[in-house]
C-alpha atoms as a PDB file:
ATOM      1  CA  MET A   1     317.429  35.193 299.526  1.00  0.00           C
ATOM      2  CA  VAL A   2     313.790  36.279 298.276  1.00  0.00           C
ATOM      3  CA  ASP A   3     313.865  40.300 299.634  1.00  0.00           C
ATOM      4  CA  LEU A   4     310.676  41.105 301.342  1.00  0.00           C
ATOM      5  CA  ASN A   5     311.214  44.470 299.918  1.00  0.00           C
ATOM      6  CA  GLU A   6     310.013  43.036 296.406  1.00  0.00           C
ATOM      7  CA  SER A   7     306.424  42.268 297.673  1.00  0.00           C
ATOM      8  CA  ARG A   8     305.440  46.146 296.677  1.00  0.00           C
ATOM      9  CA  ILE A   9     301.621  47.891 296.249  1.00  0.00           C
ATOM     10  CA  ILE A  10     300.634  49.070 292.926  1.00  0.00           C
ATOM     11  CA  ASP A  11     298.572  52.461 292.766  1.00  0.00           C
ATOM     12  CA  LEU A  12     296.179  51.573 289.855  1.00  0.00           C
ATOM     13  CA  PRO A  13     294.462  54.429 287.491  1.00  0.00           C
ATOM     14  CA  LYS A  14     290.880  55.388 289.313  1.00  0.00           C
ATOM     15  CA  ILE A  15     288.978  56.777 286.674  1.00  0.00           C
ATOM     16  CA  GLU A  16     286.465  59.170 288.730  1.00  0.00           C
ATOM     17  CA  ASP A  17     282.517  59.289 287.408  1.00  0.00           C
ATOM     18  CA  PRO A  18     279.445  59.911 289.034  1.00  0.00           C
ATOM     19  CA  ARG A  19     277.628  56.581 287.466  1.00  0.00           C
ATOM     20  CA  GLY A  20     281.064  54.945 289.327  1.00  0.00           C
ATOM     21  CA  ASN A  21     284.106  54.355 290.043  1.00  0.00           C
ATOM     22  CA  LEU A  22     287.509  52.566 287.507  1.00  0.00           C
ATOM     23  CA  SER A  23     290.483  51.122 287.006  1.00  0.00           C
ATOM     24  CA  ILE A  24     292.831  49.607 285.072  1.00  0.00           C
ATOM     25  CA  ILE A  25     294.989  46.781 285.195  1.00  0.00           C
ATOM     26  CA  GLU A  26     297.306  46.765 281.521  1.00  0.00           C
ATOM     27  CA  GLN A  27     300.186  43.040 281.667  1.00  0.00           C
ATOM     28  CA  ILE A  28     303.256  44.452 282.167  1.00  0.00           C
ATOM     29  CA  LYS A  29     302.345  48.296 281.695  1.00  0.00           C
ATOM     30  CA  ASN A  30     300.167  48.198 285.516  1.00  0.00           C
ATOM     31  CA  VAL A  31     301.445  45.471 286.644  1.00  0.00           C
ATOM     32  CA  PRO A  32     305.791  43.666 285.994  1.00  0.00           C
ATOM     33  CA  PHE A  33     304.182  40.385 284.300  1.00  0.00           C
ATOM     34  CA  GLU A  34     301.914  39.245 281.446  1.00  0.00           C
ATOM     35  CA  ILE A  35     298.531  38.032 282.584  1.00  0.00           C
ATOM     36  CA  LYS A  36     297.420  34.410 282.225  1.00  0.00           C
ATOM     37  CA  ARG A  37     295.002  32.963 284.554  1.00  0.00           C
ATOM     38  CA  THR A  38     292.137  35.397 287.254  1.00  0.00           C
ATOM     39  CA  HIS A  39     290.729  33.881 289.807  1.00  0.00           C
ATOM     40  CA  TRP A  40     288.520  35.671 292.643  1.00  0.00           C
ATOM     41  CA  ILE A  41     287.418  34.659 295.997  1.00  0.00           C
ATOM     42  CA  TYR A  42     283.926  35.448 297.477  1.00  0.00           C
ATOM     43  CA  ASP A  43     281.930  34.677 300.043  1.00  0.00           C
ATOM     44  CA  VAL A  44     284.202  34.817 302.635  1.00  0.00           C
ATOM     45  CA  PRO A  45     283.466  34.193 306.678  1.00  0.00           C
ATOM     46  CA  GLY A  46     284.689  37.261 308.053  1.00  0.00           C
ATOM     47  CA  GLY A  47     288.111  37.018 310.067  1.00  0.00           C
ATOM     48  CA  VAL A  48     288.122  34.034 307.839  1.00  0.00           C
ATOM     49  CA  ASN A  49     292.429  33.037 306.861  1.00  0.00           C
ATOM     50  CA  ARG A  50     292.674  31.571 303.325  1.00  0.00           C
ATOM     51  CA  GLY A  51     296.153  31.111 300.967  1.00  0.00           C
ATOM     52  CA  GLY A  52     298.726  29.749 303.317  1.00  0.00           C
ATOM     53  CA  HIS A  53     300.932  29.185 300.575  1.00  0.00           C
ATOM     54  CA  ALA A  54     304.459  29.278 298.134  1.00  0.00           C
ATOM     55  CA  TYR A  55     305.133  29.051 294.396  1.00  0.00           C
ATOM     56  CA  LYS A  56     308.033  28.727 293.035  1.00  0.00           C
ATOM     57  CA  GLU A  57     307.594  29.801 289.920  1.00  0.00           C
ATOM     58  CA  THR A  58     304.297  32.657 289.875  1.00  0.00           C
ATOM     59  CA  GLU A  59     304.338  36.195 290.274  1.00  0.00           C
ATOM     60  CA  GLU A  60     300.574  37.451 292.291  1.00  0.00           C
ATOM     61  CA  PHE A  61     298.500  40.762 291.571  1.00  0.00           C
ATOM     62  CA  ILE A  62     296.013  40.627 294.360  1.00  0.00           C
ATOM     63  CA  VAL A  63     293.154  43.594 294.661  1.00  0.00           C
ATOM     64  CA  ALA A  64     290.791  43.845 297.326  1.00  0.00           C
ATOM     65  CA  LEU A  65     287.553  43.995 294.733  1.00  0.00           C
ATOM     66  CA  SER A  66     285.130  45.203 297.752  1.00  0.00           C
ATOM     67  CA  GLY A  67     285.595  44.777 301.172  1.00  0.00           C
ATOM     68  CA  SER A  68     289.187  44.542 302.590  1.00  0.00           C
ATOM     69  CA  PHE A  69     291.475  42.111 303.754  1.00  0.00           C
ATOM     70  CA  ASP A  70     295.179  41.647 305.138  1.00  0.00           C
ATOM     71  CA  VAL A  71     297.600  39.800 302.953  1.00  0.00           C
ATOM     72  CA  GLU A  72     300.991  38.241 305.346  1.00  0.00           C
ATOM     73  CA  ILE A  73     304.368  37.514 302.894  1.00  0.00           C
ATOM     74  CA  ASP A  74     306.558  35.192 304.083  1.00  0.00           C
ATOM     75  CA  ASN A  75     310.305  34.527 303.130  1.00  0.00           C
ATOM     76  CA  GLY A  76     310.541  31.772 305.448  1.00  0.00           C
ATOM     77  CA  PHE A  77     312.822  34.313 307.267  1.00  0.00           C
ATOM     78  CA  SER A  78     310.814  37.298 308.076  1.00  0.00           C
ATOM     79  CA  LYS A  79     307.418  38.204 307.117  1.00  0.00           C
ATOM     80  CA  LYS A  80     305.556  41.659 305.898  1.00  0.00           C
ATOM     81  CA  ASN A  81     301.920  42.178 306.153  1.00  0.00           C
ATOM     82  CA  TYR A  82     299.968  44.464 303.588  1.00  0.00           C
ATOM     83  CA  SER A  83     296.166  45.610 304.766  1.00  0.00           C
ATOM     84  CA  LEU A  84     294.408  46.021 301.519  1.00  0.00           C
ATOM     85  CA  ASN A  85     291.046  47.649 300.906  1.00  0.00           C
ATOM     86  CA  ARG A  86     290.633  50.105 298.767  1.00  0.00           C
ATOM     87  CA  SER A  87     289.977  49.176 295.031  1.00  0.00           C
ATOM     88  CA  TYR A  88     292.512  51.081 293.286  1.00  0.00           C
ATOM     89  CA  TYR A  89     295.379  49.888 294.694  1.00  0.00           C
ATOM     90  CA  GLY A  90     296.826  46.601 294.647  1.00  0.00           C
ATOM     91  CA  LEU A  91     300.144  44.076 296.273  1.00  0.00           C
ATOM     92  CA  TYR A  92     302.455  42.737 293.427  1.00  0.00           C
ATOM     93  CA  VAL A  93     303.490  39.284 295.496  1.00  0.00           C
ATOM     94  CA  PRO A  94     306.662  37.587 293.341  1.00  0.00           C
ATOM     95  CA  LYS A  95     307.523  34.069 293.181  1.00  0.00           C
ATOM     96  CA  GLY A  96     309.672  32.270 296.059  1.00  0.00           C
ATOM     97  CA  MET A  97     307.354  34.140 298.794  1.00  0.00           C
ATOM     98  CA  TRP A  98     304.952  31.878 300.876  1.00  0.00           C
ATOM     99  CA  ARG A  99     301.835  34.454 301.647  1.00  0.00           C
ATOM    100  CA  THR A 100     298.264  33.697 303.019  1.00  0.00           C
ATOM    101  CA  MET A 101     295.408  35.950 303.537  1.00  0.00           C
ATOM    102  CA  THR A 102     293.579  36.877 306.505  1.00  0.00           C
ATOM    103  CA  ASN A 103     290.825  39.144 308.438  1.00  0.00           C
ATOM    104  CA  PHE A 104     288.820  38.759 305.822  1.00  0.00           C
ATOM    105  CA  SER A 105     285.744  41.387 306.718  1.00  0.00           C
ATOM    106  CA  THR A 106     282.061  40.302 305.518  1.00  0.00           C
ATOM    107  CA  ASN A 107     280.866  40.336 302.008  1.00  0.00           C
ATOM    108  CA  SER A 108     285.323  40.712 301.208  1.00  0.00           C
ATOM    109  CA  LEU A 109     285.853  40.377 297.353  1.00  0.00           C
ATOM    110  CA  ALA A 110     289.804  39.131 296.436  1.00  0.00           C
ATOM    111  CA  LEU A 111     290.808  39.639 292.589  1.00  0.00           C
ATOM    112  CA  VAL A 112     293.938  37.872 292.320  1.00  0.00           C
ATOM    113  CA  LEU A 113     296.033  38.202 288.516  1.00  0.00           C
ATOM    114  CA  SER A 114     298.822  35.754 287.318  1.00  0.00           C
ATOM    115  CA  SER A 115     301.814  35.661 286.026  1.00  0.00           C
ATOM    116  CA  THR A 116     301.319  31.234 284.831  1.00  0.00           C
ATOM    117  CA  GLU A 117     299.103  29.101 283.896  1.00  0.00           C
ATOM    118  CA  TYR A 118     298.333  26.957 285.843  1.00  0.00           C
ATOM    119  CA  ASN A 119     301.232  23.409 287.135  1.00  0.00           C
ATOM    120  CA  PRO A 120     300.336  22.439 290.356  1.00  0.00           C
ATOM    121  CA  GLN A 121     304.170  21.177 290.548  1.00  0.00           C
ATOM    122  CA  ASP A 122     304.615  25.098 290.819  1.00  0.00           C
ATOM    123  CA  TYR A 123     303.037  25.462 293.981  1.00  0.00           C
ATOM    124  CA  ILE A 124     304.731  24.596 297.881  1.00  0.00           C
ATOM    125  CA  MET A 125     301.552  24.255 300.832  1.00  0.00           C
ATOM    126  CA  ASN A 126     303.622  23.128 302.689  1.00  0.00           C
ATOM    127  CA  TYR A 127     305.582  25.677 305.303  1.00  0.00           C
ATOM    128  CA  GLU A 128     307.991  23.884 306.768  1.00  0.00           C
ATOM    129  CA  GLU A 129     309.164  22.135 302.740  1.00  0.00           C
ATOM    130  CA  TYR A 130     308.670  26.254 302.193  1.00  0.00           C
ATOM    131  CA  LYS A 131     311.416  26.569 304.387  1.00  0.00           C
ATOM    132  CA  ALA A 132     313.098  23.794 303.856  1.00  0.00           C
ATOM    133  CA  TRP A 133     313.202  24.532 299.592  1.00  0.00           C
ATOM    134  CA  ARG A 134     314.590  28.462 300.538  1.00  0.00           C
ATOM    135  CA  ARG A 135     317.460  27.042 302.561  1.00  0.00           C
ATOM    136  CA  ASP A 136     318.182  24.872 299.271  1.00  0.00           C
ATOM    137  CA  ILE A 137     316.834  26.003 295.813  1.00  0.00           C
ATOM    138  CA  ASN A 138     317.645  22.244 294.918  1.00  0.00           C
ATOM    139  CA  ILE A 139     315.728  20.109 297.024  1.00  0.00           C
ATOM    140  CA  LEU A 140     312.466  20.914 295.328  1.00  0.00           C
ATOM    141  CA  PRO A 141     313.347  21.680 291.733  1.00  0.00           C
ATOM    142  CA  LEU A 142     310.173  22.473 289.522  1.00  0.00           C
ATOM    143  CA  SER A 143     310.306  19.649 287.441  1.00  0.00           C
ATOM    144  CA  SER A 144     309.458  19.205 283.388  1.00  0.00           C
ATOM    145  CA  GLU A 145     308.689  15.032 284.334  1.00  0.00           C
ATOM    146  CA  ASN A 146     304.866  13.932 284.817  1.00  0.00           C
ATOM    147  CA  ASP A 147     303.882  18.164 283.977  1.00  0.00           C
ATOM    148  CA  THR A 148     300.276  18.102 284.791  1.00  0.00           C
ATOM    149  CA  SER A 149     299.964  21.625 283.731  1.00  0.00           C
ATOM    150  CA  VAL A 150     296.870  23.683 281.543  1.00  0.00           C
ATOM    151  CA  LYS A 151     297.195  22.729 278.237  1.00  0.00           C
ATOM    152  CA  CYS A 152     295.648  25.736 276.226  1.00  0.00           C
ATOM    153  CA  ASN A 153     293.175  25.110 273.793  1.00  0.00           C
ATOM    154  CA  ASN A 154     293.668  27.590 271.642  1.00  0.00           C
ATOM    155  CA  PRO A 155     290.625  28.395 269.655  1.00  0.00           C
ATOM    156  CA  GLY A 156     292.738  29.596 266.333  1.00  0.00           C
ATOM    157  CA  ASN A 157     293.243  32.891 264.477  1.00  0.00           C
ATOM    158  CA  ASN A 158     290.300  32.202 262.682  1.00  0.00           C
ATOM    159  CA  GLN A 159     288.327  31.810 265.928  1.00  0.00           C
ATOM    160  CA  PHE A 160     289.690  35.119 267.483  1.00  0.00           C
ATOM    161  CA  ALA A 161     289.654  37.060 264.732  1.00  0.00           C
ATOM    162  CA  ARG A 162     286.643  37.055 263.948  1.00  0.00           C
ATOM    163  CA  GLU A 163     284.486  39.938 264.123  1.00  0.00           C
ATOM    164  CA  GLY A 164     280.239  39.622 266.092  1.00  0.00           C
ATOM    165  CA  ARG A 165     277.971  39.543 263.728  1.00  0.00           C
ATOM    166  CA  SER A 166     275.197  39.579 265.421  1.00  0.00           C
ATOM    167  CA  VAL A 167     274.085  39.614 269.350  1.00  0.00           C
ATOM    168  CA  PHE A 168     273.800  36.161 269.648  1.00  0.00           C
ATOM    169  CA  ASP A 169     277.405  35.677 269.007  1.00  0.00           C
ATOM    170  CA  CYS A 170     277.881  36.839 272.388  1.00  0.00           C
ATOM    171  CA  SER A 171     278.236  33.635 274.909  1.00  0.00           C
ATOM    172  CA  LEU A 172     277.099  33.160 278.216  1.00  0.00           C
ATOM    173  CA  CYS A 173     279.142  30.687 280.174  1.00  0.00           C
ATOM    174  CA  GLU A 174     278.856  29.494 283.332  1.00  0.00           C
ATOM    175  CA  LEU A 175     282.502  28.500 284.924  1.00  0.00           C
ATOM    176  CA  ASN A 176     283.841  26.655 288.049  1.00  0.00           C
ATOM    177  CA  LYS A 177     283.425  27.616 291.014  1.00  0.00           C
ATOM    178  CA  MET A 178     285.332  25.892 293.349  1.00  0.00           C
ATOM    179  CA  HIS A 179     282.892  25.085 296.587  1.00  0.00           C
ATOM    180  CA  ASP A 180     285.467  26.282 300.306  1.00  0.00           C
ATOM    181  CA  LYS A 181     284.549  26.975 303.983  1.00  0.00           C
ATOM    182  CA  GLU A 182     286.978  29.551 303.428  1.00  0.00           C
ATOM    183  CA  GLY A 183     285.408  30.314 300.821  1.00  0.00           C
ATOM    184  CA  ASN A 184     284.580  30.215 297.169  1.00  0.00           C
ATOM    185  CA  LEU A 185     286.859  30.533 294.047  1.00  0.00           C
ATOM    186  CA  THR A 186     286.033  30.643 290.227  1.00  0.00           C
ATOM    187  CA  PHE A 187     289.571  31.286 288.020  1.00  0.00           C
ATOM    188  CA  ILE A 188     289.921  31.761 284.075  1.00  0.00           C
ATOM    189  CA  TYR A 189     292.520  30.673 281.986  1.00  0.00           C
ATOM    190  CA  GLU A 190     293.484  32.991 277.963  1.00  0.00           C
ATOM    191  CA  ASN A 191     292.498  31.023 275.821  1.00  0.00           C
ATOM    192  CA  VAL A 192     290.775  28.131 277.778  1.00  0.00           C
ATOM    193  CA  HIS A 193     288.126  28.861 279.350  1.00  0.00           C
ATOM    194  CA  VAL A 194     288.023  32.824 277.087  1.00  0.00           C
ATOM    195  CA  PRO A 195     289.078  32.651 273.706  1.00  0.00           C
ATOM    196  CA  PHE A 196     291.613  35.350 273.413  1.00  0.00           C
ATOM    197  CA  PRO A 197     294.630  36.661 275.419  1.00  0.00           C
ATOM    198  CA  ILE A 198     293.586  38.106 278.697  1.00  0.00           C
ATOM    199  CA  ASN A 199     295.767  41.895 278.096  1.00  0.00           C
ATOM    200  CA  ARG A 200     293.766  43.975 280.396  1.00  0.00           C
ATOM    201  CA  VAL A 201     291.525  43.855 283.245  1.00  0.00           C
ATOM    202  CA  PHE A 202     289.543  46.527 284.350  1.00  0.00           C
ATOM    203  CA  TYR A 203     285.938  46.706 287.076  1.00  0.00           C
ATOM    204  CA  SER A 204     283.589  49.582 287.611  1.00  0.00           C
ATOM    205  CA  TYR A 205     283.163  49.797 291.544  1.00  0.00           C
ATOM    206  CA  ASP A 206     281.225  52.181 293.964  1.00  0.00           C
ATOM    207  CA  ILE A 207     277.829  52.126 291.254  1.00  0.00           C
ATOM    208  CA  PRO A 208     274.654  54.189 292.311  1.00  0.00           C
ATOM    209  CA  GLY A 209     272.132  51.294 291.801  1.00  0.00           C
ATOM    210  CA  GLY A 210     269.962  51.358 289.086  1.00  0.00           C
ATOM    211  CA  GLU A 211     272.991  53.480 287.428  1.00  0.00           C
ATOM    212  CA  ASP A 212     273.313  52.685 283.904  1.00  0.00           C
ATOM    213  CA  ARG A 213     277.016  51.723 282.073  1.00  0.00           C
ATOM    214  CA  GLY A 214     279.072  51.550 279.165  1.00  0.00           C
ATOM    215  CA  ALA A 215     277.343  52.186 275.711  1.00  0.00           C
ATOM    216  CA  HIS A 216     279.669  51.616 272.684  1.00  0.00           C
ATOM    217  CA  ALA A 217     281.226  48.775 270.832  1.00  0.00           C
ATOM    218  CA  HIS A 218     284.690  47.592 270.646  1.00  0.00           C
ATOM    219  CA  LYS A 219     286.249  47.445 266.319  1.00  0.00           C
ATOM    220  CA  ASN A 220     288.876  44.891 267.613  1.00  0.00           C
ATOM    221  CA  CYS A 221     289.078  43.632 271.393  1.00  0.00           C
ATOM    222  CA  HIS A 222     286.886  41.298 272.877  1.00  0.00           C
ATOM    223  CA  GLN A 223     285.091  41.140 276.633  1.00  0.00           C
ATOM    224  CA  PHE A 224     284.058  38.775 278.598  1.00  0.00           C
ATOM    225  CA  LEU A 225     282.453  40.722 281.924  1.00  0.00           C
ATOM    226  CA  ILE A 226     281.253  38.916 284.792  1.00  0.00           C
ATOM    227  CA  ALA A 227     279.039  39.826 288.190  1.00  0.00           C
ATOM    228  CA  ALA A 228     281.962  39.762 290.902  1.00  0.00           C
ATOM    229  CA  SER A 229     279.267  41.247 293.468  1.00  0.00           C
ATOM    230  CA  GLY A 230     275.405  42.427 292.333  1.00  0.00           C
ATOM    231  CA  SER A 231     273.606  42.843 289.428  1.00  0.00           C
ATOM    232  CA  PHE A 232     273.259  44.452 286.392  1.00  0.00           C
ATOM    233  CA  GLU A 233     271.797  43.483 282.893  1.00  0.00           C
ATOM    234  CA  VAL A 234     273.764  43.719 279.901  1.00  0.00           C
ATOM    235  CA  ALA A 235     271.810  45.119 276.644  1.00  0.00           C
ATOM    236  CA  LEU A 236     273.624  43.907 273.820  1.00  0.00           C
ATOM    237  CA  ASP A 237     272.650  45.482 269.257  1.00  0.00           C
ATOM    238  CA  ASP A 238     274.423  44.751 266.718  1.00  0.00           C
ATOM    239  CA  GLY A 239     272.324  47.135 264.920  1.00  0.00           C
ATOM    240  CA  THR A 240     269.071  44.656 263.895  1.00  0.00           C
ATOM    241  CA  ASN A 241     268.645  42.244 266.231  1.00  0.00           C
ATOM    242  CA  LYS A 242     268.397  43.099 270.356  1.00  0.00           C
ATOM    243  CA  ARG A 243     269.175  41.479 273.458  1.00  0.00           C
ATOM    244  CA  THR A 244     268.974  41.730 277.399  1.00  0.00           C
ATOM    245  CA  VAL A 245     271.454  38.811 279.344  1.00  0.00           C
ATOM    246  CA  VAL A 246     270.654  39.339 283.435  1.00  0.00           C
ATOM    247  CA  LEU A 247     274.548  38.653 284.730  1.00  0.00           C
ATOM    248  CA  ASN A 248     273.729  38.163 289.000  1.00  0.00           C
ATOM    249  CA  ARG A 249     276.166  35.948 289.105  1.00  0.00           C
ATOM    250  CA  PRO A 250     280.189  35.264 290.095  1.00  0.00           C
ATOM    251  CA  PHE A 251     280.966  32.033 288.400  1.00  0.00           C
ATOM    252  CA  TRP A 252     278.712  33.547 285.248  1.00  0.00           C
ATOM    253  CA  GLY A 253     281.024  35.875 282.262  1.00  0.00           C
ATOM    254  CA  LEU A 254     279.287  36.726 279.344  1.00  0.00           C
ATOM    255  CA  HIS A 255     281.698  36.834 275.913  1.00  0.00           C
ATOM    256  CA  VAL A 256     280.994  40.167 273.946  1.00  0.00           C
ATOM    257  CA  PRO A 257     282.768  40.150 270.403  1.00  0.00           C
ATOM    258  CA  PRO A 258     284.260  43.177 269.088  1.00  0.00           C
ATOM    259  CA  GLY A 259     281.425  44.406 266.673  1.00  0.00           C
ATOM    260  CA  ILE A 260     278.381  44.658 269.256  1.00  0.00           C
ATOM    261  CA  TRP A 261     276.846  47.048 270.469  1.00  0.00           C
ATOM    262  CA  ALA A 262     277.090  47.095 274.813  1.00  0.00           C
ATOM    263  CA  SER A 263     275.639  48.454 277.289  1.00  0.00           C
ATOM    264  CA  GLU A 264     275.201  47.746 281.032  1.00  0.00           C
ATOM    265  CA  GLN A 265     272.475  49.315 282.540  1.00  0.00           C
ATOM    266  CA  GLY A 266     270.280  48.159 285.766  1.00  0.00           C
ATOM    267  CA  PHE A 267     273.017  47.773 288.186  1.00  0.00           C
ATOM    268  CA  SER A 268     271.996  46.998 292.492  1.00  0.00           C
ATOM    269  CA  SER A 269     273.771  48.684 295.202  1.00  0.00           C
ATOM    270  CA  GLY A 270     277.019  47.520 295.732  1.00  0.00           C
ATOM    271  CA  SER A 271     277.569  46.238 292.190  1.00  0.00           C
ATOM    272  CA  ILE A 272     281.257  45.500 290.472  1.00  0.00           C
ATOM    273  CA  CYS A 273     281.950  44.828 287.221  1.00  0.00           C
ATOM    274  CA  LEU A 274     284.556  42.615 286.992  1.00  0.00           C
ATOM    275  CA  VAL A 275     285.657  42.906 282.265  1.00  0.00           C
ATOM    276  CA  LEU A 276     288.518  40.441 280.446  1.00  0.00           C
ATOM    277  CA  ALA A 277     290.116  42.221 277.214  1.00  0.00           C
ATOM    278  CA  SER A 278     291.942  40.944 274.751  1.00  0.00           C
ATOM    279  CA  GLU A 279     293.589  44.293 274.155  1.00  0.00           C
ATOM    280  CA  GLY A 280     295.547  47.209 275.744  1.00  0.00           C
ATOM    281  CA  TYR A 281     293.565  50.228 276.579  1.00  0.00           C
ATOM    282  CA  SER A 282     293.104  52.434 272.991  1.00  0.00           C
ATOM    283  CA  GLU A 283     291.287  55.036 271.795  1.00  0.00           C
ATOM    284  CA  ASP A 284     290.645  54.525 268.171  1.00  0.00           C
ATOM    285  CA  ASP A 285     289.137  51.034 269.228  1.00  0.00           C
ATOM    286  CA  TYR A 286     286.490  52.091 270.750  1.00  0.00           C
ATOM    287  CA  ILE A 287     283.270  53.395 269.196  1.00  0.00           C
ATOM    288  CA  ARG A 288     281.192  55.630 271.405  1.00  0.00           C
ATOM    289  CA  ASN A 289     278.128  56.930 269.052  1.00  0.00           C
ATOM    290  CA  TYR A 290     275.252  54.700 267.661  1.00  0.00           C
ATOM    291  CA  ASP A 291     274.783  56.506 264.988  1.00  0.00           C
ATOM    292  CA  ASP A 292     278.784  56.573 263.571  1.00  0.00           C
ATOM    293  CA  TYR A 293     278.382  52.425 265.005  1.00  0.00           C
ATOM    294  CA  LEU A 294     275.701  51.879 262.462  1.00  0.00           C
ATOM    295  CA  GLU A 295     278.141  53.647 259.439  1.00  0.00           C
ATOM    296  CA  TYR A 296     281.057  51.396 260.632  1.00  0.00           C
ATOM    297  CA  LEU A 297     278.672  48.626 260.477  1.00  0.00           C
ATOM    298  CA  LYS A 298     277.798  49.350 256.663  1.00  0.00           C
ATOM    299  CA  THR A 299     281.116  49.681 255.920  1.00  0.00           C
ATOM    300  CA  ARG A 300     282.235  47.190 257.407  1.00  0.00           C
ATOM    301  CA  ASP A 301     279.457  44.880 255.850  1.00  0.00           C
ATOM    302  CA  ASN A 302     280.129  46.104 252.202  1.00  0.00           C
ATOM    303  CA  GLY A 303     283.765  46.057 252.389  1.00  0.00           C
END
């Protein structure tokens, strides 16, 4: 039997700043799995329930980026309920659990990280089938035949390693938007919808309206920025050209490759800036002073 106590609340780092707080989720370090998929659920009508299913192999980590909701965990024999209502902790759901998300407050935003690539054969959508599977693991085996899981369209090392030489190397992408009366959902797979592995996820919240953040460059880290809630602008600078991109939909994202100076500005009240990153945190990868950035460009271009 899957032990309900394997599910648990995990506290996340909370970096407090008058410009807005920030929390980080780094694979293996903050959650006990590698991040393969990321999705977020939004526009959920207040009081609606969703997510009644189980995974045979997938582990999840669920965070209430805004608002609140409950997650009911069920192993086929007993149940346990968790209330999520803060951005700086989340719920770890081990594989083999039936889980349902309930009691969404108005304007809730749920972030879900998953340990596997999408595979429809990993889902159990019927509760009676789930209970049968729990009683006998061989009733619904995870078959490798007719595997319809997503195959990663890996862009290759040359493209992945390429630095941004121009602000026009930054790509604004329209993401999928799955419409549902129980709330909309947008998902991202590493090396498919973003051209890099997702090793870290972080987000800024509690941002005062009109505030600015960011203002740095990375040497190696790719980033993908989403306005999960509200809106803000991303000011891009390559040392010669400047460009400003407006993010104001949870199904749009901006890929910023390394080597580009970027800052987020003009946040609307209640905004949440969600960022997917290719690297774990390393202070050595940051360039935080603009004059140092210009020197870095000279060294890079002459090297």
